[in-house]
Amino acid sequence: MPSAQLAGLQPLDSWHVPPPSMRRGALRDRNSAATPSLPISNGKARQSPQYRKAIHATIWSFVVTIAFALAVVLPLKGQQATLDFFTGFLVEKSLSVDNLFVFLMLFQYFKVPERHTQRVLTWGIFSALVLRGIMIMVGVAAVQRFRWVLLIFALVLVVSAYKMLGEEEDAQDLSENYVMRIARWLVDATDQYDGDRFFTTVGTKRRATPMLVVLICIELSDVIFAVDSIPAVVGITQDAFIVYSSNAFALLALRSLYLLLSRSIQQLHYLRHAVALILGFVGVKMVLEFVHLHLSSALSLCVILSLLAIGALASMARNRASAGKLINGGTQEHDFKARVLDDQLSRRH
């Protein structure tokens, strides 16, 4: 696409919300001052049929995952491989929460109608299954052939963990991010939606809609996320079947998980820290494995479960403390205004 045409391709006027910047191209900045207001879960939203349906779908996704592990993985691969499967699944599931934050930011930036988000997610998930399958085959083959690749993967995970625990990045306009620029360069997109279609006809010309730009951004971001997630699972096991199947089952539940978390994802403040510690743990595990010090699958699973539980409990405690401060602050302000009013009335009398 010519540079002049690329420069002229601007977002809709309603696409002006400046979401957080992308870490290594993916949205990971959680600076509350720069983060646009996200819809917060309330009682009415939680009672909606879509919310209840998402809860049931999420529960069934875990049931199907457990059934697959017990009916397929355990008979074919044995007990240790089954533990590796569950460990890899949990790692991918925890990392997918970061993916959901990215998806939410993209949907808000492009003002994607809520009724069409599931279509974009469905296409994005199935495309990610293909792309990750290719990356997993390459990664596992590299580790099996060149053992020192474990150290490279370990370095990637440790650096990623350090960045996630470090200071937040400065916010920048998403339109200037290279993922967005690549997506716009790849397609000649109009600035109008046409239902849930990826392509539309403008005059006599066939052009992409913003839905396709969103899909491409999601795919590019997922490839970048895979730089973390695939080494993390490869650090647990080098069995390509276990690595891919755990990735696949974690991805297949993203649609229902998105609806559950999209209204409350900001409340999971410390989950990102837990995920960073998990990445660091797997990185250290890979280094130990390189020097022939093996940590058992059961121990790895317990460590990851513990970190996730601590992150969730810490987030809940923080939310309760914040809610208590708001209530106390409101009460104190009300008492102060009441005292001022009483003082004014007493002076008049």
Protein backbone atom coordinates (compact mmCIF):
# COMPACT_ATOMS: atom_id res chain seq x y z
CA MET A 1 0.00 0.00 0.00
CA PRO A 2 1.47 3.44 -0.89
CA SER A 3 2.69 5.50 2.03
CA ALA A 4 0.27 8.32 1.20
CA GLN A 5 -2.63 5.93 1.36
CA LEU A 6 -1.32 4.48 4.63
CA ALA A 7 -1.00 7.92 6.13
CA GLY A 8 -4.56 8.78 5.11
CA LEU A 9 -6.05 5.70 6.70
CA GLN A 10 -7.13 7.03 10.07
CA PRO A 11 -9.38 5.49 12.71
CA LEU A 12 -13.01 6.49 13.05
CA ASP A 13 -13.66 9.69 14.97
CA SER A 14 -14.92 7.49 17.79
CA TRP A 15 -11.63 5.57 17.88
CA HIS A 16 -9.95 8.34 19.82
CA VAL A 17 -9.59 6.50 23.14
CA PRO A 18 -5.84 6.22 23.87
CA PRO A 19 -5.41 2.74 25.34
CA PRO A 20 -2.24 1.68 27.17
CA SER A 21 0.95 1.10 25.27
CA MET A 22 2.00 -2.35 24.07
CA ARG A 23 4.88 -4.22 25.67
CA ARG A 24 6.83 -5.81 22.85
CA GLY A 25 3.90 -4.91 20.64
CA ALA A 26 1.20 -6.28 22.88
CA LEU A 27 -0.93 -4.20 25.23
CA ARG A 28 0.36 -4.81 28.73
CA ASP A 29 0.55 -1.39 30.39
CA ARG A 30 -1.82 -1.16 33.30
CA ASN A 31 -1.13 2.41 34.33
CA SER A 32 -4.46 3.40 35.83
CA ALA A 33 -3.96 7.03 34.86
CA ALA A 34 -3.69 6.09 31.20
CA THR A 35 -6.17 3.25 31.12
CA PRO A 36 -9.60 4.11 29.72
CA SER A 37 -12.52 3.36 31.96
CA LEU A 38 -13.56 -0.22 31.57
CA PRO A 39 -17.06 -1.48 32.24
CA ILE A 40 -17.25 -2.62 35.84
CA SER A 41 -19.28 -5.65 36.73
CA ASN A 42 -22.48 -4.97 38.60
CA GLY A 43 -25.32 -7.10 39.89
CA LYS A 44 -27.53 -6.49 36.87
CA ALA A 45 -24.78 -7.47 34.41
CA ARG A 46 -24.02 -10.61 36.39
CA GLN A 47 -27.67 -11.66 36.21
CA SER A 48 -27.82 -11.30 32.41
CA PRO A 49 -28.42 -14.45 30.33
CA GLN A 50 -25.13 -13.89 28.48
CA TYR A 51 -23.21 -13.78 31.77
CA ARG A 52 -24.84 -16.97 33.06
CA LYS A 53 -24.20 -18.66 29.73
CA ALA A 54 -20.53 -17.65 29.91
CA ILE A 55 -20.27 -19.11 33.42
CA HIS A 56 -21.71 -22.42 32.22
CA ALA A 57 -19.45 -22.45 29.15
CA THR A 58 -16.37 -21.75 31.27
CA ILE A 59 -17.26 -24.52 33.72
CA TRP A 60 -17.83 -26.95 30.86
CA SER A 61 -14.49 -26.00 29.31
CA PHE A 62 -12.74 -27.08 32.51
CA VAL A 63 -14.83 -30.26 32.67
CA VAL A 64 -13.94 -31.14 29.07
CA THR A 65 -10.27 -30.39 29.73
CA ILE A 66 -10.22 -32.69 32.76
CA ALA A 67 -12.09 -35.39 30.83
CA PHE A 68 -9.58 -35.17 27.97
CA ALA A 69 -6.67 -35.47 30.38
CA LEU A 70 -8.12 -38.52 32.12
CA ALA A 71 -9.52 -40.25 29.03
CA VAL A 72 -6.76 -39.50 26.50
CA VAL A 73 -3.56 -38.17 28.07
CA LEU A 74 -3.43 -40.52 31.07
CA PRO A 75 -3.86 -43.79 29.10
CA LEU A 76 -1.53 -42.69 26.28
CA LYS A 77 1.19 -40.78 28.13
CA GLY A 78 1.00 -41.76 31.78
CA GLN A 79 0.65 -39.95 35.10
CA GLN A 80 3.60 -37.56 34.81
CA ALA A 81 2.53 -36.39 31.35
CA THR A 82 -0.98 -35.82 32.72
CA LEU A 83 0.43 -33.59 35.46
CA ASP A 84 2.46 -31.76 32.81
CA PHE A 85 -0.72 -31.29 30.79
CA PHE A 86 -2.55 -29.70 33.73
CA THR A 87 0.47 -27.54 34.56
CA GLY A 88 0.78 -26.33 30.97
CA PHE A 89 -2.95 -25.68 30.82
CA LEU A 90 -2.84 -23.54 33.97
CA VAL A 91 0.16 -21.58 32.70
CA GLU A 92 -1.58 -20.88 29.39
CA LYS A 93 -4.85 -20.04 31.10
CA SER A 94 -3.17 -17.51 33.39
CA LEU A 95 -1.28 -15.95 30.48
CA SER A 96 -4.52 -15.77 28.47
CA VAL A 97 -5.87 -13.23 30.97
CA ASP A 98 -3.28 -10.81 29.61
CA ASN A 99 -4.52 -11.65 26.11
CA LEU A 100 -8.05 -10.78 27.17
CA PHE A 101 -6.91 -7.36 28.38
CA VAL A 102 -5.42 -6.75 24.94
CA PHE A 103 -8.60 -7.88 23.20
CA LEU A 104 -10.70 -5.63 25.41
CA MET A 105 -8.52 -2.62 24.61
CA LEU A 106 -8.72 -3.34 20.88
CA PHE A 107 -12.49 -3.75 20.97
CA GLN A 108 -12.85 -0.46 22.85
CA TYR A 109 -10.46 1.37 20.56
CA PHE A 110 -12.29 0.24 17.42
CA LYS A 111 -15.73 0.57 19.05
CA VAL A 112 -16.62 -2.98 18.00
CA PRO A 113 -20.31 -3.61 18.77
CA GLU A 114 -20.53 -6.04 21.68
CA ARG A 115 -22.73 -8.42 19.71
CA HIS A 116 -19.91 -8.87 17.15
CA THR A 117 -16.99 -9.45 19.53
CA GLN A 118 -17.66 -13.19 19.77
CA ARG A 119 -17.32 -13.58 16.00
CA VAL A 120 -13.92 -11.87 16.03
CA LEU A 121 -12.80 -13.99 18.98
CA THR A 122 -13.90 -17.21 17.27
CA TRP A 123 -11.89 -16.48 14.14
CA GLY A 124 -8.97 -15.26 16.22
CA ILE A 125 -8.90 -18.42 18.34
CA PHE A 126 -8.96 -20.83 15.41
CA SER A 127 -6.29 -18.84 13.59
CA ALA A 128 -4.18 -18.85 16.76
CA LEU A 129 -4.49 -22.64 16.97
CA VAL A 130 -2.90 -22.95 13.53
CA LEU A 131 -0.16 -20.37 14.16
CA ARG A 132 0.72 -21.76 17.58
CA GLY A 133 0.80 -25.29 16.21
CA ILE A 134 3.51 -24.23 13.77
CA MET A 135 5.45 -22.33 16.44
CA ILE A 136 5.21 -25.25 18.89
CA MET A 137 6.56 -27.74 16.36
CA VAL A 138 9.50 -25.45 15.60
CA GLY A 139 10.18 -24.71 19.28
CA VAL A 140 10.02 -28.32 20.46
CA ALA A 141 12.17 -29.51 17.55
CA ALA A 142 14.75 -26.81 18.35
CA VAL A 143 14.92 -27.83 22.03
CA GLN A 144 15.20 -31.51 21.20
CA ARG A 145 17.96 -30.91 18.67
CA PHE A 146 19.86 -28.10 20.39
CA ARG A 147 19.69 -28.34 24.17
CA TRP A 148 21.14 -24.85 24.65
CA VAL A 149 17.88 -23.44 23.24
CA LEU A 150 16.51 -24.09 26.74
CA LEU A 151 18.74 -21.29 28.02
CA ILE A 152 17.42 -18.89 25.37
CA PHE A 153 13.83 -19.74 26.29
CA ALA A 154 14.69 -19.34 29.98
CA LEU A 155 16.19 -15.91 29.31
CA VAL A 156 13.05 -14.85 27.42
CA LEU A 157 10.85 -15.89 30.34
CA VAL A 158 13.00 -14.25 33.02
CA VAL A 159 13.22 -10.98 31.07
CA SER A 160 9.45 -11.06 30.49
CA ALA A 161 8.85 -11.64 34.19
CA TYR A 162 11.16 -8.75 35.10
CA LYS A 163 9.37 -6.40 32.71
CA MET A 164 5.94 -7.41 34.01
CA LEU A 165 7.05 -6.73 37.59
CA GLY A 166 8.87 -3.52 36.68
CA GLU A 167 7.66 -0.01 36.22
CA GLU A 168 4.78 0.66 33.89
CA GLU A 169 5.51 2.05 30.47
CA ASP A 170 4.47 5.50 29.40
CA ALA A 171 1.14 5.55 27.65
CA GLN A 172 1.08 6.10 23.93
CA ASP A 173 -1.59 6.35 21.29
CA LEU A 174 -2.42 2.89 19.99
CA SER A 175 -2.64 4.27 16.45
CA GLU A 176 1.15 4.82 16.53
CA ASN A 177 1.93 1.26 17.65
CA TYR A 178 3.65 -0.89 15.05
CA VAL A 179 1.10 -3.72 15.40
CA MET A 180 -1.63 -1.30 14.39
CA ARG A 181 0.49 0.15 11.59
CA ILE A 182 1.20 -3.31 10.18
CA ALA A 183 -2.49 -4.21 10.32
CA ARG A 184 -3.43 -1.05 8.43
CA TRP A 185 -0.67 -1.61 5.91
CA LEU A 186 -1.89 -5.14 5.20
CA VAL A 187 -5.47 -4.17 4.37
CA ASP A 188 -7.25 -1.34 2.60
CA ALA A 189 -9.92 -0.73 5.22
CA THR A 190 -12.95 1.52 5.25
CA ASP A 191 -13.97 3.37 8.41
CA GLN A 192 -17.50 1.95 8.48
CA TYR A 193 -18.83 -1.31 9.90
CA ASP A 194 -21.09 -3.51 7.78
CA GLY A 195 -22.72 -5.73 10.39
CA ASP A 196 -20.31 -8.49 11.36
CA ARG A 197 -18.74 -8.73 7.91
CA PHE A 198 -14.99 -8.56 7.39
CA PHE A 199 -15.39 -7.13 3.88
CA THR A 200 -17.82 -4.71 2.29
CA THR A 201 -18.39 -2.99 -1.04
CA VAL A 202 -17.78 0.75 -1.30
CA GLY A 203 -19.01 1.90 -4.68
CA THR A 204 -17.54 -0.71 -6.99
CA LYS A 205 -14.52 -1.49 -4.81
CA ARG A 206 -14.19 -4.38 -2.38
CA ARG A 207 -12.71 -3.15 0.90
CA ALA A 208 -12.08 -4.51 4.38
CA THR A 209 -14.11 -3.31 7.35
CA PRO A 210 -12.65 -2.37 10.75
CA MET A 211 -13.62 -5.89 11.89
CA LEU A 212 -10.81 -7.34 9.75
CA VAL A 213 -8.30 -4.81 11.12
CA VAL A 214 -9.26 -5.85 14.66
CA LEU A 215 -8.84 -9.53 13.74
CA ILE A 216 -5.37 -8.92 12.28
CA CYS A 217 -4.34 -6.93 15.36
CA ILE A 218 -5.51 -9.80 17.58
CA GLU A 219 -3.54 -12.33 15.54
CA LEU A 220 -0.37 -10.22 15.55
CA SER A 221 -0.67 -9.67 19.30
CA ASP A 222 -1.23 -13.39 19.89
CA VAL A 223 1.93 -14.24 17.97
CA ILE A 224 3.83 -11.83 20.22
CA PHE A 225 2.24 -13.34 23.33
CA ALA A 226 3.27 -16.79 22.09
CA VAL A 227 6.90 -15.69 22.52
CA ASP A 228 6.18 -15.95 26.26
CA SER A 229 3.60 -18.70 26.42
CA ILE A 230 5.20 -21.36 24.22
CA PRO A 231 8.62 -21.28 25.98
CA ALA A 232 6.73 -21.40 29.29
CA VAL A 233 5.03 -24.69 28.39
CA VAL A 234 8.16 -26.05 26.69
CA GLY A 235 9.89 -25.40 30.01
CA ILE A 236 7.42 -27.80 31.61
CA THR A 237 7.58 -30.54 28.98
CA GLN A 238 9.11 -31.08 25.55
CA ASP A 239 6.33 -33.46 24.48
CA ALA A 240 4.80 -31.70 21.45
CA PHE A 241 1.43 -33.40 22.00
CA ILE A 242 1.20 -32.14 25.59
CA VAL A 243 2.40 -28.65 24.67
CA TYR A 244 -0.09 -28.23 21.83
CA SER A 245 -3.08 -29.86 23.53
CA SER A 246 -2.64 -27.74 26.68
CA ASN A 247 -2.40 -24.62 24.50
CA ALA A 248 -5.45 -25.65 22.49
CA PHE A 249 -7.70 -26.27 25.50
CA ALA A 250 -6.59 -23.01 27.12
CA LEU A 251 -7.39 -21.08 23.92
CA LEU A 252 -10.75 -22.74 23.28
CA ALA A 253 -12.16 -21.34 26.52
CA LEU A 254 -11.19 -17.74 25.71
CA ARG A 255 -14.60 -16.75 24.31
CA SER A 256 -16.53 -17.52 27.48
CA LEU A 257 -13.69 -16.31 29.69
CA TYR A 258 -13.68 -12.96 27.86
CA LEU A 259 -17.31 -12.28 28.74
CA LEU A 260 -16.69 -13.24 32.37
CA LEU A 261 -13.60 -11.08 32.84
CA SER A 262 -14.27 -8.15 30.50
CA ARG A 263 -16.33 -6.37 33.16
CA SER A 264 -14.02 -7.03 36.08
CA ILE A 265 -10.52 -7.48 34.66
CA GLN A 266 -9.24 -4.31 36.35
CA GLN A 267 -10.03 -5.87 39.71
CA LEU A 268 -7.42 -8.60 39.12
CA HIS A 269 -4.62 -6.25 40.11
CA TYR A 270 -2.13 -8.78 41.47
CA LEU A 271 -2.82 -11.54 38.98
CA ARG A 272 -0.28 -9.97 36.61
CA HIS A 273 2.34 -10.22 39.37
CA ALA A 274 1.45 -13.88 39.89
CA VAL A 275 1.82 -14.54 36.16
CA ALA A 276 5.22 -12.80 36.19
CA LEU A 277 6.38 -15.00 39.06
CA ILE A 278 5.14 -18.08 37.18
CA LEU A 279 7.18 -17.08 34.13
CA GLY A 280 10.22 -16.53 36.34
CA PHE A 281 9.72 -19.89 38.03
CA VAL A 282 9.49 -21.74 34.72
CA GLY A 283 12.59 -19.89 33.49
CA VAL A 284 14.56 -21.01 36.54
CA LYS A 285 13.18 -24.54 36.08
CA MET A 286 14.55 -24.60 32.53
CA VAL A 287 18.00 -23.52 33.71
CA LEU A 288 17.98 -26.25 36.36
CA GLU A 289 16.90 -28.79 33.76
CA PHE A 290 19.77 -27.70 31.52
CA VAL A 291 22.21 -28.63 34.31
CA HIS A 292 20.31 -31.90 34.89
CA LEU A 293 18.47 -30.83 38.06
CA HIS A 294 14.89 -31.88 37.45
CA LEU A 295 11.90 -30.50 39.39
CA SER A 296 9.00 -32.93 39.55
CA SER A 297 5.77 -32.26 37.67
CA ALA A 298 3.80 -32.40 40.91
CA LEU A 299 6.01 -29.74 42.52
CA SER A 300 5.72 -27.47 39.47
CA LEU A 301 1.93 -27.82 39.47
CA CYS A 302 1.75 -27.00 43.20
CA VAL A 303 3.95 -23.92 42.81
CA ILE A 304 1.89 -22.56 39.91
CA LEU A 305 -1.43 -23.23 41.68
CA SER A 306 -0.10 -21.51 44.82
CA LEU A 307 1.07 -18.43 42.92
CA LEU A 308 -2.28 -18.08 41.13
CA ALA A 309 -4.18 -18.50 44.41
CA ILE A 310 -2.01 -15.90 46.16
CA GLY A 311 -2.50 -13.45 43.27
CA ALA A 312 -6.28 -13.92 43.32
CA LEU A 313 -6.55 -13.63 47.12
CA ALA A 314 -4.31 -10.55 47.20
CA SER A 315 -6.46 -8.91 44.51
CA MET A 316 -9.62 -9.66 46.49
CA ALA A 317 -8.09 -8.22 49.66
CA ARG A 318 -7.01 -5.09 47.79
CA ASN A 319 -10.50 -4.61 46.33
CA ARG A 320 -12.11 -4.95 49.76
CA ALA A 321 -9.66 -2.47 51.27
CA SER A 322 -10.34 0.01 48.46
CA ALA A 323 -14.09 -0.40 48.89
CA GLY A 324 -13.73 0.17 52.65
CA LYS A 325 -11.76 3.38 52.09
CA LEU A 326 -14.41 4.67 49.70
CA ILE A 327 -17.16 3.95 52.20
CA ASN A 328 -15.25 5.53 55.10
CA GLY A 329 -14.30 8.51 52.97
CA GLY A 330 -17.90 9.04 51.92
CA THR A 331 -19.09 8.77 55.54
CA GLN A 332 -16.48 11.25 56.78
CA GLU A 333 -17.37 13.70 54.02
CA HIS A 334 -21.06 13.37 54.88
CA ASP A 335 -20.36 13.97 58.59
CA PHE A 336 -18.21 17.01 57.78
CA LYS A 337 -20.95 18.54 55.61
CA ALA A 338 -23.52 17.84 58.32
CA ARG A 339 -21.37 19.60 60.94
CA VAL A 340 -20.88 22.60 58.64
CA LEU A 341 -24.62 22.79 58.02
CA ASP A 342 -25.42 22.57 61.74
CA ASP A 343 -22.88 25.31 62.46
CA GLN A 344 -24.44 27.58 59.83
CA LEU A 345 -27.94 26.98 61.20
CA SER A 346 -26.83 27.67 64.78
CA ARG A 347 -25.28 30.99 63.72
CA ARG A 348 -28.49 32.06 62.02
CA HIS A 349 -30.44 31.40 65.19
